[in-house]
């Protein structure tokens, strides 16, 4: 049994009842994630960052996982632009993160690549017509329709989930 206070991601339920017009707020939240991640992990000792508890990911692996999912977030943005029937499916086993061996990688490289990928995501959506943020496509796991603004909010919530896990791990 883990001593976490952070809710399990796959048990979370989402209600997207906020107005579409809040999309700039969500985009700026997404743009702030790299700085928050850097503040959490940049100057931490390697042993703290790579320590595993209860066979779960280390803080550095959580950071690497955030980077690993950037292509999925971008693919889903492209799904909205293409009018796809369903959003791109995630690998719920997180094989990419497990196979990446982020603990042996360079933390600075993870941070640099994450910032670059997140900036590309924000730049991609920032130039879109406001009406596109209300376009709806079903989410494959949640089995509910999501507007583009909801997808971006979902990404921001996923960010916060992993930031909270990292904070919990490095705080002891």
N, C-alpha and C. Protein backbone atom coordinates (compact mmCIF):
# COMPACT_ATOMS: atom_id res chain seq x y z
N UNK A 1 0.84 -1.19 0.00
CA UNK A 1 0.00 0.00 0.00
C UNK A 1 0.88 1.25 0.00
N UNK A 2 0.56 2.16 -0.83
CA UNK A 2 1.34 3.39 -0.97
C UNK A 2 0.82 4.45 0.00
N UNK A 3 1.70 5.34 0.42
CA UNK A 3 1.33 6.41 1.34
C UNK A 3 1.02 7.70 0.60
N UNK A 4 0.46 7.63 -0.56
CA UNK A 4 0.20 8.81 -1.36
C UNK A 4 -1.11 9.50 -0.99
N UNK A 5 -1.10 10.79 -1.09
CA UNK A 5 -2.32 11.58 -0.92
C UNK A 5 -2.87 12.03 -2.28
N UNK A 6 -2.13 11.74 -3.35
CA UNK A 6 -2.51 12.16 -4.69
C UNK A 6 -3.49 11.13 -5.27
N UNK A 7 -4.62 11.60 -5.75
CA UNK A 7 -5.64 10.72 -6.31
C UNK A 7 -5.08 9.93 -7.49
N UNK A 8 -5.52 8.70 -7.63
CA UNK A 8 -5.12 7.86 -8.75
C UNK A 8 -5.67 8.45 -10.04
N UNK A 9 -4.80 8.62 -11.03
CA UNK A 9 -5.19 9.29 -12.27
C UNK A 9 -6.35 8.57 -12.96
N UNK A 10 -6.26 7.27 -13.09
CA UNK A 10 -7.27 6.55 -13.86
C UNK A 10 -8.62 6.46 -13.14
N UNK A 11 -8.66 6.85 -11.89
CA UNK A 11 -9.93 6.89 -11.16
C UNK A 11 -10.59 8.26 -11.22
N UNK A 12 -9.87 9.25 -11.74
CA UNK A 12 -10.42 10.60 -11.82
C UNK A 12 -11.58 10.66 -12.80
N UNK A 13 -12.57 11.44 -12.47
CA UNK A 13 -13.70 11.75 -13.35
C UNK A 13 -13.61 13.23 -13.68
N UNK A 14 -14.06 13.58 -14.86
CA UNK A 14 -13.95 14.96 -15.30
C UNK A 14 -15.30 15.49 -15.75
N UNK A 15 -15.59 16.71 -15.32
CA UNK A 15 -16.76 17.44 -15.79
C UNK A 15 -16.25 18.72 -16.42
N UNK A 16 -16.60 18.90 -17.66
CA UNK A 16 -16.11 20.06 -18.41
C UNK A 16 -17.25 21.05 -18.58
N UNK A 17 -17.51 21.81 -17.54
CA UNK A 17 -18.67 22.70 -17.54
C UNK A 17 -18.27 24.18 -17.67
N UNK A 18 -17.00 24.46 -17.86
CA UNK A 18 -16.56 25.85 -17.94
C UNK A 18 -16.73 26.36 -19.37
N UNK A 19 -16.80 27.67 -19.54
CA UNK A 19 -17.00 28.23 -20.88
C UNK A 19 -15.77 28.06 -21.77
N UNK A 20 -16.03 27.81 -23.03
CA UNK A 20 -14.96 27.67 -24.02
C UNK A 20 -14.04 28.88 -24.03
N UNK A 21 -14.58 30.03 -23.75
CA UNK A 21 -13.81 31.27 -23.81
C UNK A 21 -12.66 31.33 -22.82
N UNK A 22 -12.57 30.37 -21.92
CA UNK A 22 -11.46 30.32 -20.97
C UNK A 22 -10.21 29.67 -21.57
N UNK A 23 -10.24 29.34 -22.87
CA UNK A 23 -9.09 28.66 -23.47
C UNK A 23 -7.78 29.42 -23.30
N UNK A 24 -7.73 30.78 -23.34
CA UNK A 24 -6.43 31.43 -23.10
C UNK A 24 -5.87 31.13 -21.71
N UNK A 25 -6.75 31.03 -20.72
CA UNK A 25 -6.31 30.72 -19.36
C UNK A 25 -5.70 29.33 -19.30
N UNK A 26 -6.29 28.40 -20.02
CA UNK A 26 -5.79 27.03 -20.02
C UNK A 26 -4.45 26.97 -20.74
N UNK A 27 -4.32 27.68 -21.85
CA UNK A 27 -3.06 27.70 -22.59
C UNK A 27 -1.94 28.26 -21.72
N UNK A 28 -2.20 29.33 -20.99
CA UNK A 28 -1.15 29.91 -20.15
C UNK A 28 -0.79 28.97 -19.01
N UNK A 29 -1.76 28.22 -18.53
CA UNK A 29 -1.48 27.21 -17.50
C UNK A 29 -0.53 26.15 -18.07
N UNK A 30 -0.79 25.71 -19.30
CA UNK A 30 0.09 24.73 -19.95
C UNK A 30 1.49 25.29 -20.15
N UNK A 31 1.59 26.54 -20.53
CA UNK A 31 2.89 27.17 -20.72
C UNK A 31 3.68 27.30 -19.42
N UNK A 32 2.99 27.36 -18.30
CA UNK A 32 3.65 27.49 -17.01
C UNK A 32 4.19 26.19 -16.45
N UNK A 33 3.77 25.07 -17.00
CA UNK A 33 4.19 23.78 -16.45
C UNK A 33 5.70 23.56 -16.50
N UNK A 34 6.39 23.86 -17.61
CA UNK A 34 7.84 23.62 -17.58
C UNK A 34 8.57 24.36 -16.45
N UNK A 35 8.18 25.59 -16.19
CA UNK A 35 8.82 26.35 -15.11
C UNK A 35 8.52 25.71 -13.75
N UNK A 36 7.29 25.27 -13.55
CA UNK A 36 6.94 24.64 -12.28
C UNK A 36 7.71 23.33 -12.10
N UNK A 37 7.84 22.57 -13.19
CA UNK A 37 8.60 21.32 -13.13
C UNK A 37 10.07 21.61 -12.81
N UNK A 38 10.64 22.59 -13.49
CA UNK A 38 12.03 22.97 -13.21
C UNK A 38 12.22 23.38 -11.76
N UNK A 39 11.30 24.20 -11.25
CA UNK A 39 11.40 24.63 -9.86
C UNK A 39 11.38 23.44 -8.90
N UNK A 40 10.62 22.42 -9.22
CA UNK A 40 10.53 21.25 -8.35
C UNK A 40 11.77 20.38 -8.36
N UNK A 41 12.39 20.21 -9.54
CA UNK A 41 13.39 19.14 -9.65
C UNK A 41 14.81 19.57 -10.00
N UNK A 42 15.01 20.76 -10.48
CA UNK A 42 16.31 21.12 -11.05
C UNK A 42 17.47 20.95 -10.07
N UNK A 43 17.34 21.40 -8.86
CA UNK A 43 18.46 21.39 -7.92
C UNK A 43 18.37 20.28 -6.87
N UNK A 44 17.59 19.27 -7.12
CA UNK A 44 17.45 18.17 -6.16
C UNK A 44 18.59 17.17 -6.33
N UNK A 45 19.01 16.55 -5.26
CA UNK A 45 20.05 15.51 -5.37
C UNK A 45 19.55 14.34 -6.22
N UNK A 46 20.47 13.74 -6.96
CA UNK A 46 20.12 12.63 -7.85
C UNK A 46 19.45 11.49 -7.10
N UNK A 47 19.94 11.19 -5.91
CA UNK A 47 19.35 10.10 -5.13
C UNK A 47 17.90 10.34 -4.78
N UNK A 48 17.55 11.58 -4.51
CA UNK A 48 16.16 11.93 -4.22
C UNK A 48 15.31 11.79 -5.48
N UNK A 49 15.86 12.22 -6.60
CA UNK A 49 15.12 12.21 -7.86
C UNK A 49 14.89 10.81 -8.42
N UNK A 50 15.78 9.89 -8.16
CA UNK A 50 15.68 8.56 -8.76
C UNK A 50 15.19 7.48 -7.80
N UNK A 51 14.93 7.86 -6.55
CA UNK A 51 14.45 6.89 -5.57
C UNK A 51 13.05 6.43 -5.91
N UNK A 52 12.85 5.12 -5.83
CA UNK A 52 11.52 4.54 -6.08
C UNK A 52 10.91 4.14 -4.74
N UNK A 53 9.60 4.30 -4.67
CA UNK A 53 8.84 3.87 -3.48
C UNK A 53 7.78 2.88 -3.92
N UNK A 54 7.70 1.80 -3.23
CA UNK A 54 6.65 0.81 -3.48
C UNK A 54 6.63 0.33 -4.93
N UNK A 55 7.80 0.29 -5.58
CA UNK A 55 7.86 -0.18 -6.95
C UNK A 55 7.26 0.76 -7.98
N UNK A 56 6.95 1.97 -7.56
CA UNK A 56 6.34 2.97 -8.45
C UNK A 56 7.42 3.87 -9.04
N UNK A 57 7.03 4.72 -9.97
CA UNK A 57 7.98 5.63 -10.62
C UNK A 57 8.64 6.56 -9.62
N UNK A 58 9.87 6.90 -9.92
CA UNK A 58 10.61 7.91 -9.16
C UNK A 58 10.14 9.30 -9.62
N UNK A 59 10.61 10.33 -8.93
CA UNK A 59 10.28 11.70 -9.32
C UNK A 59 10.80 11.98 -10.74
N UNK A 60 12.00 11.50 -11.04
CA UNK A 60 12.57 11.73 -12.38
C UNK A 60 11.78 10.97 -13.45
N UNK A 61 11.29 9.81 -13.12
CA UNK A 61 10.46 9.06 -14.07
C UNK A 61 9.12 9.76 -14.31
N UNK A 62 8.57 10.36 -13.29
CA UNK A 62 7.33 11.14 -13.48
C UNK A 62 7.60 12.31 -14.44
N UNK A 63 8.74 12.98 -14.27
CA UNK A 63 9.09 14.08 -15.17
C UNK A 63 9.27 13.55 -16.60
N UNK A 64 9.95 12.43 -16.73
CA UNK A 64 10.13 11.83 -18.05
C UNK A 64 8.80 11.43 -18.67
N UNK A 65 7.89 10.94 -17.86
CA UNK A 65 6.56 10.57 -18.36
C UNK A 65 5.83 11.78 -18.92
N UNK A 66 5.97 12.91 -18.27
CA UNK A 66 5.34 14.13 -18.78
C UNK A 66 5.86 14.43 -20.18
N UNK A 67 7.16 14.30 -20.37
CA UNK A 67 7.74 14.48 -21.69
C UNK A 67 7.23 13.42 -22.66
N UNK A 68 7.17 12.19 -22.22
CA UNK A 68 6.74 11.09 -23.09
C UNK A 68 5.34 11.30 -23.67
N UNK A 69 4.48 12.00 -22.96
CA UNK A 69 3.11 12.17 -23.42
C UNK A 69 2.90 13.37 -24.33
N UNK A 70 3.88 14.21 -24.48
CA UNK A 70 3.71 15.38 -25.35
C UNK A 70 3.29 15.02 -26.78
N UNK A 71 3.85 13.96 -27.40
CA UNK A 71 3.38 13.61 -28.75
C UNK A 71 1.89 13.23 -28.78
N UNK A 72 1.38 12.59 -27.73
CA UNK A 72 -0.04 12.25 -27.67
C UNK A 72 -0.89 13.51 -27.59
N UNK A 73 -0.48 14.45 -26.76
CA UNK A 73 -1.27 15.69 -26.62
C UNK A 73 -1.33 16.41 -27.97
N UNK A 74 -0.20 16.46 -28.67
CA UNK A 74 -0.18 17.12 -29.98
C UNK A 74 -1.02 16.35 -30.99
N UNK A 75 -0.93 15.03 -30.97
CA UNK A 75 -1.74 14.21 -31.90
C UNK A 75 -3.22 14.48 -31.68
N UNK A 76 -3.61 14.65 -30.44
CA UNK A 76 -5.03 14.92 -30.16
C UNK A 76 -5.44 16.30 -30.64
N UNK A 77 -4.55 17.26 -30.55
CA UNK A 77 -4.85 18.58 -31.14
C UNK A 77 -5.08 18.42 -32.63
N UNK A 78 -4.22 17.66 -33.28
CA UNK A 78 -4.38 17.42 -34.72
C UNK A 78 -5.67 16.66 -35.01
N UNK A 79 -6.11 15.79 -34.10
CA UNK A 79 -7.40 15.11 -34.26
C UNK A 79 -8.53 16.13 -34.35
N UNK A 80 -8.47 17.16 -33.51
CA UNK A 80 -9.50 18.20 -33.56
C UNK A 80 -9.47 18.93 -34.88
N UNK A 81 -8.29 19.24 -35.35
CA UNK A 81 -8.17 19.98 -36.61
C UNK A 81 -8.63 19.15 -37.79
N UNK A 82 -8.43 17.83 -37.72
CA UNK A 82 -8.82 16.94 -38.81
C UNK A 82 -10.28 16.49 -38.70
N UNK A 83 -10.93 16.79 -37.58
CA UNK A 83 -12.31 16.34 -37.39
C UNK A 83 -12.41 14.83 -37.22
N UNK A 84 -11.46 14.24 -36.49
CA UNK A 84 -11.43 12.79 -36.28
C UNK A 84 -12.68 12.31 -35.56
N UNK A 85 -12.99 11.03 -35.74
CA UNK A 85 -14.16 10.44 -35.10
C UNK A 85 -13.94 10.18 -33.61
N UNK A 86 -12.67 10.01 -33.23
CA UNK A 86 -12.30 9.75 -31.84
C UNK A 86 -10.89 10.28 -31.63
N UNK A 87 -10.59 10.70 -30.41
CA UNK A 87 -9.24 11.15 -30.10
C UNK A 87 -8.26 9.98 -30.15
N UNK A 88 -7.01 10.28 -30.47
CA UNK A 88 -5.96 9.26 -30.50
C UNK A 88 -5.91 8.53 -29.16
N UNK A 89 -5.67 7.24 -29.23
CA UNK A 89 -5.67 6.38 -28.05
C UNK A 89 -4.31 6.43 -27.37
N UNK A 90 -4.33 6.52 -26.05
CA UNK A 90 -3.11 6.48 -25.26
C UNK A 90 -2.72 5.03 -24.97
N UNK A 91 -1.43 4.81 -24.76
CA UNK A 91 -0.96 3.52 -24.28
C UNK A 91 -1.13 3.51 -22.77
N UNK A 92 -2.19 2.89 -22.31
CA UNK A 92 -2.51 2.92 -20.89
C UNK A 92 -1.53 2.12 -20.03
N UNK A 93 -0.68 1.33 -20.66
CA UNK A 93 0.34 0.61 -19.91
C UNK A 93 1.59 1.47 -19.67
N UNK A 94 1.64 2.63 -20.33
CA UNK A 94 2.77 3.55 -20.20
C UNK A 94 4.11 2.90 -20.53
N UNK A 95 4.09 2.05 -21.51
CA UNK A 95 5.30 1.31 -21.92
C UNK A 95 6.45 2.25 -22.29
N UNK A 96 6.13 3.34 -22.96
CA UNK A 96 7.18 4.28 -23.38
C UNK A 96 7.98 4.77 -22.18
N UNK A 97 7.28 5.12 -21.11
CA UNK A 97 7.96 5.60 -19.91
C UNK A 97 8.74 4.48 -19.23
N UNK A 98 8.14 3.32 -19.14
CA UNK A 98 8.84 2.20 -18.50
C UNK A 98 10.09 1.82 -19.28
N UNK A 99 10.03 1.86 -20.60
CA UNK A 99 11.17 1.48 -21.44
C UNK A 99 12.24 2.57 -21.54
N UNK A 100 11.89 3.80 -21.23
CA UNK A 100 12.81 4.93 -21.44
C UNK A 100 13.97 4.98 -20.46
N UNK A 101 13.84 4.35 -19.31
CA UNK A 101 14.89 4.36 -18.29
C UNK A 101 15.30 5.80 -17.95
N UNK A 102 14.31 6.61 -17.64
CA UNK A 102 14.56 8.03 -17.34
C UNK A 102 15.51 8.23 -16.16
N UNK A 103 15.57 7.28 -15.24
CA UNK A 103 16.47 7.44 -14.09
C UNK A 103 17.93 7.48 -14.49
N UNK A 104 18.27 6.87 -15.61
CA UNK A 104 19.67 6.90 -16.05
C UNK A 104 19.93 8.06 -17.00
N UNK A 105 18.87 8.80 -17.34
CA UNK A 105 19.02 9.93 -18.26
C UNK A 105 19.41 11.20 -17.54
N UNK A 106 19.61 12.23 -18.34
CA UNK A 106 19.99 13.54 -17.83
C UNK A 106 18.74 14.35 -17.53
N UNK A 107 18.60 14.78 -16.29
CA UNK A 107 17.44 15.55 -15.87
C UNK A 107 17.30 16.85 -16.66
N UNK A 108 18.42 17.51 -16.90
CA UNK A 108 18.40 18.75 -17.67
C UNK A 108 17.88 18.53 -19.08
N UNK A 109 18.23 17.40 -19.66
CA UNK A 109 17.76 17.06 -21.00
C UNK A 109 16.24 16.84 -21.01
N UNK A 110 15.74 16.16 -19.98
CA UNK A 110 14.29 15.97 -19.86
C UNK A 110 13.60 17.32 -19.79
N UNK A 111 14.13 18.21 -18.96
CA UNK A 111 13.52 19.53 -18.80
C UNK A 111 13.57 20.34 -20.09
N UNK A 112 14.69 20.32 -20.78
CA UNK A 112 14.84 21.07 -22.03
C UNK A 112 13.88 20.55 -23.09
N UNK A 113 13.83 19.24 -23.23
CA UNK A 113 12.95 18.65 -24.24
C UNK A 113 11.48 18.87 -23.90
N UNK A 114 11.15 18.81 -22.60
CA UNK A 114 9.76 19.05 -22.20
C UNK A 114 9.36 20.49 -22.51
N UNK A 115 10.21 21.44 -22.16
CA UNK A 115 9.90 22.84 -22.43
C UNK A 115 9.70 23.08 -23.93
N UNK A 116 10.56 22.48 -24.74
CA UNK A 116 10.45 22.66 -26.19
C UNK A 116 9.14 22.07 -26.72
N UNK A 117 8.82 20.85 -26.29
CA UNK A 117 7.60 20.19 -26.75
C UNK A 117 6.36 20.95 -26.28
N UNK A 118 6.38 21.41 -25.04
CA UNK A 118 5.21 22.13 -24.51
C UNK A 118 5.03 23.47 -25.20
N UNK A 119 6.12 24.14 -25.51
CA UNK A 119 6.04 25.40 -26.24
C UNK A 119 5.45 25.16 -27.63
N UNK A 120 5.84 24.07 -28.26
CA UNK A 120 5.28 23.73 -29.58
C UNK A 120 3.78 23.48 -29.48
N UNK A 121 3.35 22.78 -28.44
CA UNK A 121 1.92 22.53 -28.25
C UNK A 121 1.17 23.85 -28.07
N UNK A 122 1.68 24.70 -27.18
CA UNK A 122 1.01 25.97 -26.93
C UNK A 122 0.99 26.84 -28.18
N UNK A 123 2.09 26.87 -28.90
CA UNK A 123 2.14 27.66 -30.14
C UNK A 123 1.13 27.13 -31.15
N UNK A 124 0.98 25.81 -31.21
CA UNK A 124 0.05 25.21 -32.17
C UNK A 124 -1.37 25.65 -31.90
N UNK A 125 -1.78 25.64 -30.63
CA UNK A 125 -3.17 25.98 -30.32
C UNK A 125 -3.42 27.48 -30.20
N UNK A 126 -2.38 28.24 -29.89
CA UNK A 126 -2.56 29.68 -29.70
C UNK A 126 -3.02 30.38 -30.98
N UNK A 127 -2.64 29.86 -32.12
CA UNK A 127 -3.01 30.50 -33.37
C UNK A 127 -4.31 30.03 -33.98
N UNK A 128 -5.02 29.16 -33.29
CA UNK A 128 -6.26 28.61 -33.84
C UNK A 128 -7.42 29.59 -33.73
N UNK A 129 -8.38 29.40 -34.61
CA UNK A 129 -9.61 30.19 -34.55
C UNK A 129 -10.34 29.84 -33.24
N UNK A 130 -10.86 30.85 -32.55
CA UNK A 130 -11.54 30.59 -31.28
C UNK A 130 -12.66 29.55 -31.38
N UNK A 131 -13.34 29.49 -32.52
CA UNK A 131 -14.45 28.53 -32.65
C UNK A 131 -13.97 27.07 -32.57
N UNK A 132 -12.71 26.81 -32.91
CA UNK A 132 -12.20 25.44 -32.87
C UNK A 132 -12.12 24.89 -31.45
N UNK A 133 -12.03 25.76 -30.45
CA UNK A 133 -11.91 25.29 -29.08
C UNK A 133 -13.20 24.66 -28.57
N UNK A 134 -14.30 24.87 -29.28
CA UNK A 134 -15.57 24.23 -28.89
C UNK A 134 -15.86 22.96 -29.69
N UNK A 135 -14.99 22.61 -30.64
CA UNK A 135 -15.17 21.37 -31.42
C UNK A 135 -15.07 20.18 -30.47
N UNK A 136 -15.98 19.22 -30.65
CA UNK A 136 -16.09 18.08 -29.73
C UNK A 136 -15.74 16.77 -30.42
N UNK A 137 -14.94 15.94 -29.71
CA UNK A 137 -14.59 14.59 -30.17
C UNK A 137 -14.61 13.68 -28.93
N UNK A 138 -15.10 12.44 -29.07
CA UNK A 138 -15.11 11.53 -27.92
C UNK A 138 -13.69 11.13 -27.46
N UNK A 139 -13.52 11.08 -26.15
CA UNK A 139 -12.27 10.61 -25.55
C UNK A 139 -12.36 9.09 -25.44
N UNK A 140 -11.34 8.35 -25.90
CA UNK A 140 -11.45 6.89 -25.96
C UNK A 140 -11.55 6.18 -24.61
N UNK A 141 -10.87 6.67 -23.58
CA UNK A 141 -10.93 6.01 -22.28
C UNK A 141 -12.08 6.52 -21.43
N UNK A 142 -12.27 7.83 -21.43
CA UNK A 142 -13.31 8.42 -20.59
C UNK A 142 -14.72 8.18 -21.13
N UNK A 143 -14.80 7.86 -22.42
CA UNK A 143 -16.09 7.61 -23.07
C UNK A 143 -17.03 8.79 -22.90
N UNK A 144 -16.50 9.98 -23.11
CA UNK A 144 -17.31 11.18 -23.04
C UNK A 144 -16.77 12.18 -24.07
N UNK A 145 -17.66 13.03 -24.58
CA UNK A 145 -17.19 14.03 -25.54
C UNK A 145 -16.31 15.06 -24.86
N UNK A 146 -15.28 15.50 -25.58
CA UNK A 146 -14.40 16.55 -25.08
C UNK A 146 -14.23 17.62 -26.15
N UNK A 147 -14.39 18.86 -25.73
CA UNK A 147 -14.05 19.97 -26.62
C UNK A 147 -12.53 20.10 -26.63
N UNK A 148 -12.01 20.81 -27.61
CA UNK A 148 -10.57 21.05 -27.63
C UNK A 148 -10.14 21.73 -26.34
N UNK A 149 -10.88 22.69 -25.85
CA UNK A 149 -10.52 23.36 -24.60
C UNK A 149 -10.52 22.36 -23.44
N UNK A 150 -11.42 21.36 -23.49
CA UNK A 150 -11.45 20.33 -22.45
C UNK A 150 -10.19 19.45 -22.52
N UNK A 151 -9.79 19.14 -23.74
CA UNK A 151 -8.56 18.35 -23.91
C UNK A 151 -7.38 19.09 -23.29
N UNK A 152 -7.27 20.38 -23.56
CA UNK A 152 -6.16 21.16 -23.01
C UNK A 152 -6.24 21.22 -21.49
N UNK A 153 -7.44 21.35 -20.95
CA UNK A 153 -7.63 21.32 -19.50
C UNK A 153 -7.22 19.95 -18.94
N UNK A 154 -7.57 18.88 -19.65
CA UNK A 154 -7.19 17.53 -19.26
C UNK A 154 -5.67 17.40 -19.19
N UNK A 155 -4.98 17.95 -20.17
CA UNK A 155 -3.51 17.95 -20.17
C UNK A 155 -2.99 18.70 -18.95
N UNK A 156 -3.56 19.87 -18.67
CA UNK A 156 -3.13 20.65 -17.51
C UNK A 156 -3.36 19.89 -16.21
N UNK A 157 -4.47 19.19 -16.12
CA UNK A 157 -4.75 18.39 -14.93
C UNK A 157 -3.77 17.22 -14.82
N UNK A 158 -3.43 16.62 -15.96
CA UNK A 158 -2.43 15.54 -15.97
C UNK A 158 -1.08 16.09 -15.49
N UNK A 159 -0.72 17.27 -15.98
CA UNK A 159 0.51 17.92 -15.51
C UNK A 159 0.48 18.05 -13.99
N UNK A 160 -0.59 18.62 -13.48
CA UNK A 160 -0.68 18.86 -12.04
C UNK A 160 -0.64 17.56 -11.24
N UNK A 161 -1.24 16.51 -11.80
CA UNK A 161 -1.20 15.21 -11.13
C UNK A 161 0.25 14.77 -10.94
N UNK A 162 1.04 14.86 -12.02
CA UNK A 162 2.42 14.39 -11.92
C UNK A 162 3.30 15.36 -11.13
N UNK A 163 3.03 16.64 -11.20
CA UNK A 163 3.76 17.59 -10.35
C UNK A 163 3.49 17.30 -8.88
N UNK A 164 2.25 16.97 -8.55
CA UNK A 164 1.91 16.64 -7.16
C UNK A 164 2.61 15.35 -6.73
N UNK A 165 2.68 14.36 -7.63
CA UNK A 165 3.38 13.12 -7.30
C UNK A 165 4.88 13.41 -7.07
N UNK A 166 5.47 14.22 -7.93
CA UNK A 166 6.88 14.58 -7.77
C UNK A 166 7.10 15.30 -6.45
N UNK A 167 6.26 16.27 -6.17
CA UNK A 167 6.37 17.04 -4.93
C UNK A 167 6.29 16.10 -3.71
N UNK A 168 5.36 15.18 -3.78
CA UNK A 168 5.19 14.23 -2.68
C UNK A 168 6.45 13.37 -2.52
N UNK A 169 7.01 12.91 -3.63
CA UNK A 169 8.20 12.05 -3.59
C UNK A 169 9.43 12.79 -3.08
N UNK A 170 9.63 14.03 -3.50
CA UNK A 170 10.84 14.76 -3.10
C UNK A 170 10.69 15.40 -1.72
N UNK A 171 9.47 15.50 -1.24
CA UNK A 171 9.24 16.09 0.09
C UNK A 171 9.39 15.07 1.19
N UNK A 172 9.49 13.81 0.82
CA UNK A 172 9.68 12.76 1.82
C UNK A 172 8.41 12.41 2.53
